[in-house]
Protein backbone atom coordinates (compact mmCIF):
# COMPACT_ATOMS: atom_id res chain seq x y z
CA MET A 1 8.77 10.54 -12.56
CA LYS A 2 11.59 7.66 -11.95
CA LYS A 3 11.13 3.78 -12.34
CA GLN A 4 12.64 1.46 -10.58
CA ILE A 5 11.38 -2.50 -10.96
CA VAL A 6 12.20 -4.86 -8.59
CA ASP A 7 12.29 -8.14 -9.26
CA LEU A 8 11.19 -10.91 -6.57
CA SER A 9 11.70 -13.92 -8.68
CA VAL A 10 15.12 -14.50 -6.08
CA PHE A 11 12.92 -14.33 -3.29
CA TRP A 12 10.91 -16.51 -4.36
CA GLU A 13 13.29 -19.08 -5.96
CA SER A 14 15.34 -19.67 -2.13
CA VAL A 15 12.04 -19.96 -0.52
CA ALA A 16 11.25 -22.99 -3.25
CA LYS A 17 15.13 -23.68 -2.33
CA HIS A 18 14.29 -23.49 1.55
CA HIS A 19 18.25 -21.54 1.18
CA ALA A 20 17.53 -19.12 4.29
CA GLU A 21 20.91 -17.69 4.09
CA GLU A 22 19.53 -16.41 0.33
CA HIS A 23 15.85 -15.41 1.02
CA GLU A 24 17.14 -13.48 3.95
CA GLY A 25 19.35 -11.76 1.52
CA ALA A 26 16.86 -11.42 -0.91
CA ARG A 27 14.32 -9.72 1.24
CA ARG A 28 17.12 -7.49 2.16
CA HIS A 29 17.94 -6.37 -1.37
CA ILE A 30 13.57 -5.94 -1.64
CA GLU A 31 13.67 -3.79 1.49
CA ASN A 32 16.40 -1.71 0.34
CA ALA A 33 15.43 -0.74 -2.63
CA ILE A 34 11.66 0.39 -1.40
CA ASN A 35 13.19 2.41 1.44
CA GLN A 36 15.99 3.90 -1.36
CA ALA A 37 13.07 4.93 -3.46
CA LEU A 38 11.03 6.06 -0.56
CA ALA A 39 13.77 9.03 0.42
CA GLY A 40 12.68 12.47 0.01
CA VAL A 41 9.30 11.64 -0.62
CA SER A 42 6.44 12.43 1.89
CA ALA A 43 3.78 10.22 1.04
CA VAL A 44 3.72 6.22 -0.09
CA ALA A 45 0.87 5.28 -2.77
CA TRP A 46 -0.16 1.58 -2.06
CA GLU A 47 -3.86 0.05 -2.50
CA GLY A 48 -5.67 2.58 -3.34
CA MET A 49 -4.41 4.81 -0.85
CA ALA A 50 -2.18 7.70 -0.45
CA ILE A 51 -0.22 7.03 2.97
CA ARG A 52 1.50 10.26 4.64
CA GLY A 53 4.05 10.20 7.03
CA VAL A 54 5.49 7.38 6.59
CA ARG A 55 9.32 6.68 6.88
CA HIS A 56 10.23 3.58 6.34
CA ILE A 57 9.12 0.56 4.75
CA ARG A 58 10.04 -3.15 6.67
CA VAL A 59 9.46 -6.26 4.48
CA GLY A 60 9.20 -8.94 6.12
CA ASN A 61 9.52 -13.00 5.74
CA ALA A 62 6.89 -13.52 3.28
CA LEU A 63 7.36 -10.35 1.52
CA GLU A 64 4.73 -8.83 4.05
CA LEU A 65 4.90 -4.71 4.47
CA ALA A 66 4.67 -2.61 7.20
CA LEU A 67 4.80 1.03 6.85
CA LEU A 68 6.30 2.93 9.51
CA ASP A 69 6.47 6.17 11.30
CA ALA A 70 9.35 8.21 12.54
CA ASP A 71 8.81 7.02 15.94
CA GLY A 72 8.84 3.23 14.39
CA ASP A 73 5.02 2.08 14.82
CA VAL A 74 2.89 0.77 12.06
CA ILE A 75 1.02 3.57 10.08
CA ALA A 76 -0.53 1.12 7.10
CA ASP A 77 0.00 -2.90 6.73
CA SER A 78 -0.53 -6.20 4.63
CA GLU A 79 -0.74 -9.59 5.14
CA GLY A 80 1.10 -11.17 2.62
CA ALA A 81 0.44 -8.70 -0.28
CA LEU A 82 3.59 -9.55 -2.28
CA LEU A 83 2.60 -13.87 -2.60
CA MET A 84 2.42 -14.87 -6.25
CA TYR A 85 3.90 -11.11 -8.07
CA ASP A 86 7.16 -10.97 -10.23
CA ARG A 87 8.15 -7.65 -9.79
CA LEU A 88 7.54 -4.69 -7.40
CA VAL A 89 7.10 -1.65 -9.57
CA LEU A 90 8.26 1.74 -7.64
CA LYS A 91 7.23 4.90 -9.10
CA THR A 92 8.33 8.21 -7.50
CA TRP A 93 6.85 11.57 -8.27
CA PRO A 94 10.04 14.64 -6.37
CA ASP A 95 6.87 17.06 -7.34
CA ASP A 96 4.53 18.56 -4.87
CA GLY A 97 6.40 16.97 -2.13
CA GLY A 98 7.34 14.07 -3.52
CA LEU A 99 5.04 10.24 -3.60
CA LEU A 100 6.33 6.95 -3.62
CA GLU A 101 4.24 4.48 -5.31
CA ILE A 102 4.29 1.10 -5.20
CA LYS A 103 2.86 -1.05 -7.70
CA LEU A 104 2.49 -5.33 -8.47
CA GLU A 105 3.32 -7.19 -11.36
CA ARG A 106 2.31 -10.77 -12.58
CA LEU A 107 4.34 -11.83 -15.83
């Protein structure tokens, strides 16, 4: 198992300060970290579900997630699921075809 923690505080600070450029950079950083963890796995564990066929995870401007298939169609999405959280915990298990677990934490 590999564990990665993504700090969301830079994103939330940029929102509070209305710094659009910093906000977009932090959003891209979060999206890149999630998609790097997604590489090589066959399923995503999110909110108690195992979702198969996810090829990309899009992170929106309010940190909502959209899990996309190979054609770019949305398989599952959230409405502001990362609101008021401080950290995103990404755990990957390469065994059995691979699994990426996404959890949220408050400090």
